Amino acid sequence: MPRLGMSVEQQASVKRLFLFGSILAVVGVVLGVFLGTNGNTGGWLLCALIALIWGTAALFLRMRKADRP
């Protein structure tokens, strides 16, 4: 049985949530860079972790978009 895909409302909701997550990711990276430049190695780890999570979400959404009819 093929998947029907997401409705227009669901697509809009995903775009809104991804935008909100992207804004929070930018804030987190800025905080991580601030901590990293002040000598805290955890700041660079925070930057790497945020980039990994954001990249995984972006890749997942791109793959889901390609699967839509």
N, C-alpha and C. Protein backbone atom coordinates (compact mmCIF):
# COMPACT_ATOMS: atom_id res chain seq x y z
N MET A 1 0.84 -1.17 0.00
CA MET A 1 0.00 0.00 0.00
C MET A 1 0.89 1.24 0.00
N PRO A 2 0.79 2.10 -0.99
CA PRO A 2 1.66 3.28 -1.05
C PRO A 2 1.26 4.33 -0.03
N ARG A 3 2.26 5.10 0.38
CA ARG A 3 1.98 6.21 1.29
C ARG A 3 1.38 7.36 0.50
N LEU A 4 0.47 8.06 1.11
CA LEU A 4 -0.20 9.16 0.43
C LEU A 4 0.57 10.46 0.58
N GLY A 5 1.43 10.57 1.56
CA GLY A 5 2.16 11.81 1.77
C GLY A 5 1.46 12.71 2.78
N MET A 6 2.07 13.83 3.02
CA MET A 6 1.54 14.76 4.01
C MET A 6 0.59 15.75 3.36
N SER A 7 -0.35 16.20 4.17
CA SER A 7 -1.28 17.22 3.69
C SER A 7 -0.57 18.57 3.64
N VAL A 8 -1.21 19.55 3.05
CA VAL A 8 -0.64 20.89 2.96
C VAL A 8 -0.45 21.48 4.35
N GLU A 9 -1.39 21.23 5.25
CA GLU A 9 -1.27 21.75 6.62
C GLU A 9 -0.10 21.13 7.34
N GLN A 10 0.11 19.82 7.14
CA GLN A 10 1.23 19.16 7.77
C GLN A 10 2.56 19.68 7.22
N GLN A 11 2.61 19.92 5.93
CA GLN A 11 3.83 20.46 5.33
C GLN A 11 4.14 21.85 5.89
N ALA A 12 3.11 22.67 6.04
CA ALA A 12 3.30 24.02 6.60
C ALA A 12 3.78 23.93 8.05
N SER A 13 3.24 22.99 8.80
CA SER A 13 3.65 22.81 10.19
C SER A 13 5.11 22.38 10.27
N VAL A 14 5.52 21.48 9.41
CA VAL A 14 6.91 21.03 9.40
C VAL A 14 7.84 22.18 9.04
N LYS A 15 7.45 23.00 8.07
CA LYS A 15 8.27 24.16 7.71
C LYS A 15 8.41 25.13 8.87
N ARG A 16 7.31 25.37 9.57
CA ARG A 16 7.34 26.27 10.72
C ARG A 16 8.24 25.72 11.82
N LEU A 17 8.10 24.44 12.12
CA LEU A 17 8.91 23.84 13.18
C LEU A 17 10.38 23.81 12.80
N PHE A 18 10.68 23.56 11.51
CA PHE A 18 12.07 23.54 11.09
C PHE A 18 12.68 24.95 11.16
N LEU A 19 11.90 25.96 10.82
CA LEU A 19 12.38 27.34 10.94
C LEU A 19 12.66 27.68 12.40
N PHE A 20 11.76 27.30 13.29
CA PHE A 20 11.95 27.54 14.72
C PHE A 20 13.19 26.80 15.22
N GLY A 21 13.36 25.56 14.79
CA GLY A 21 14.55 24.79 15.18
C GLY A 21 15.82 25.39 14.63
N SER A 22 15.76 25.93 13.42
CA SER A 22 16.94 26.57 12.82
C SER A 22 17.33 27.81 13.59
N ILE A 23 16.36 28.59 14.01
CA ILE A 23 16.65 29.79 14.79
C ILE A 23 17.28 29.41 16.13
N LEU A 24 16.75 28.38 16.78
CA LEU A 24 17.34 27.93 18.04
C LEU A 24 18.74 27.36 17.82
N ALA A 25 18.96 26.70 16.68
CA ALA A 25 20.29 26.17 16.37
C ALA A 25 21.30 27.30 16.21
N VAL A 26 20.90 28.37 15.55
CA VAL A 26 21.80 29.52 15.39
C VAL A 26 22.15 30.12 16.76
N VAL A 27 21.15 30.25 17.61
CA VAL A 27 21.39 30.78 18.96
C VAL A 27 22.34 29.85 19.72
N GLY A 28 22.13 28.55 19.59
CA GLY A 28 23.00 27.59 20.27
C GLY A 28 24.43 27.62 19.75
N VAL A 29 24.59 27.78 18.45
CA VAL A 29 25.95 27.86 17.88
C VAL A 29 26.64 29.14 18.35
N VAL A 30 25.91 30.24 18.39
CA VAL A 30 26.50 31.49 18.89
C VAL A 30 26.94 31.32 20.34
N LEU A 31 26.11 30.69 21.15
CA LEU A 31 26.48 30.42 22.54
C LEU A 31 27.69 29.51 22.61
N GLY A 32 27.73 28.47 21.78
CA GLY A 32 28.87 27.56 21.77
C GLY A 32 30.15 28.24 21.35
N VAL A 33 30.09 29.11 20.35
CA VAL A 33 31.28 29.84 19.92
C VAL A 33 31.74 30.78 21.03
N PHE A 34 30.80 31.43 21.68
CA PHE A 34 31.16 32.30 22.81
C PHE A 34 31.86 31.51 23.91
N LEU A 35 31.30 30.35 24.25
CA LEU A 35 31.93 29.53 25.29
C LEU A 35 33.28 29.00 24.83
N GLY A 36 33.37 28.60 23.57
CA GLY A 36 34.62 28.06 23.06
C GLY A 36 35.73 29.08 23.01
N THR A 37 35.41 30.30 22.64
CA THR A 37 36.44 31.33 22.59
C THR A 37 36.87 31.78 23.98
N ASN A 38 36.04 31.54 24.97
CA ASN A 38 36.41 31.88 26.36
C ASN A 38 37.15 30.75 27.06
N GLY A 39 37.51 29.70 26.31
CA GLY A 39 38.32 28.64 26.90
C GLY A 39 37.57 27.41 27.35
N ASN A 40 36.28 27.37 27.17
CA ASN A 40 35.50 26.20 27.58
C ASN A 40 35.39 25.25 26.39
N THR A 41 36.00 24.07 26.48
CA THR A 41 35.97 23.13 25.35
C THR A 41 34.58 22.57 25.12
N GLY A 42 33.74 22.64 26.11
CA GLY A 42 32.36 22.19 25.95
C GLY A 42 31.59 23.03 24.94
N GLY A 43 32.01 24.27 24.74
CA GLY A 43 31.36 25.13 23.76
C GLY A 43 31.52 24.60 22.35
N TRP A 44 32.73 24.13 22.01
CA TRP A 44 32.95 23.57 20.68
C TRP A 44 32.19 22.26 20.52
N LEU A 45 32.11 21.49 21.60
CA LEU A 45 31.32 20.26 21.56
C LEU A 45 29.84 20.57 21.35
N LEU A 46 29.36 21.63 21.97
CA LEU A 46 27.98 22.06 21.79
C LEU A 46 27.73 22.45 20.33
N CYS A 47 28.67 23.18 19.73
CA CYS A 47 28.54 23.56 18.31
C CYS A 47 28.46 22.33 17.42
N ALA A 48 29.33 21.37 17.66
CA ALA A 48 29.35 20.15 16.85
C ALA A 48 28.06 19.36 17.02
N LEU A 49 27.57 19.27 18.23
CA LEU A 49 26.35 18.52 18.50
C LEU A 49 25.14 19.19 17.84
N ILE A 50 25.05 20.49 17.92
CA ILE A 50 23.94 21.21 17.30
C ILE A 50 24.00 21.06 15.78
N ALA A 51 25.19 21.18 15.20
CA ALA A 51 25.33 21.02 13.76
C ALA A 51 24.95 19.62 13.32
N LEU A 52 25.32 18.61 14.09
CA LEU A 52 24.97 17.23 13.76
C LEU A 52 23.47 17.00 13.81
N ILE A 53 22.82 17.49 14.84
CA ILE A 53 21.37 17.32 14.98
C ILE A 53 20.63 18.07 13.88
N TRP A 54 21.04 19.32 13.61
CA TRP A 54 20.38 20.12 12.58
C TRP A 54 20.58 19.49 11.20
N GLY A 55 21.79 19.03 10.93
CA GLY A 55 22.06 18.39 9.64
C GLY A 55 21.27 17.11 9.44
N THR A 56 21.12 16.33 10.49
CA THR A 56 20.34 15.11 10.41
C THR A 56 18.87 15.42 10.13
N ALA A 57 18.33 16.43 10.79
CA ALA A 57 16.94 16.81 10.56
C ALA A 57 16.74 17.32 9.14
N ALA A 58 17.69 18.14 8.65
CA ALA A 58 17.58 18.67 7.28
C ALA A 58 17.65 17.54 6.26
N LEU A 59 18.55 16.58 6.46
CA LEU A 59 18.66 15.45 5.54
C LEU A 59 17.39 14.60 5.56
N PHE A 60 16.84 14.37 6.75
CA PHE A 60 15.60 13.60 6.86
C PHE A 60 14.45 14.28 6.12
N LEU A 61 14.32 15.60 6.31
CA LEU A 61 13.24 16.32 5.63
C LEU A 61 13.43 16.33 4.12
N ARG A 62 14.68 16.45 3.67
CA ARG A 62 14.95 16.43 2.23
C ARG A 62 14.60 15.06 1.64
N MET A 63 14.90 13.97 2.37
CA MET A 63 14.58 12.64 1.88
C MET A 63 13.07 12.42 1.87
N ARG A 64 12.38 12.92 2.87
CA ARG A 64 10.92 12.80 2.91
C ARG A 64 10.28 13.57 1.77
N LYS A 65 10.82 14.74 1.44
CA LYS A 65 10.28 15.56 0.37
C LYS A 65 10.46 14.85 -0.98
N ALA A 66 11.57 14.16 -1.15
CA ALA A 66 11.81 13.44 -2.41
C ALA A 66 10.88 12.24 -2.55
N ASP A 67 10.41 11.66 -1.44
CA ASP A 67 9.52 10.50 -1.48
C ASP A 67 8.07 10.87 -1.80
N ARG A 68 7.74 12.16 -1.70
CA ARG A 68 6.34 12.56 -1.93
C ARG A 68 5.95 12.39 -3.38
N PRO A 69 4.71 12.03 -3.59
CA PRO A 69 4.24 11.90 -4.99
C PRO A 69 4.04 13.25 -5.66
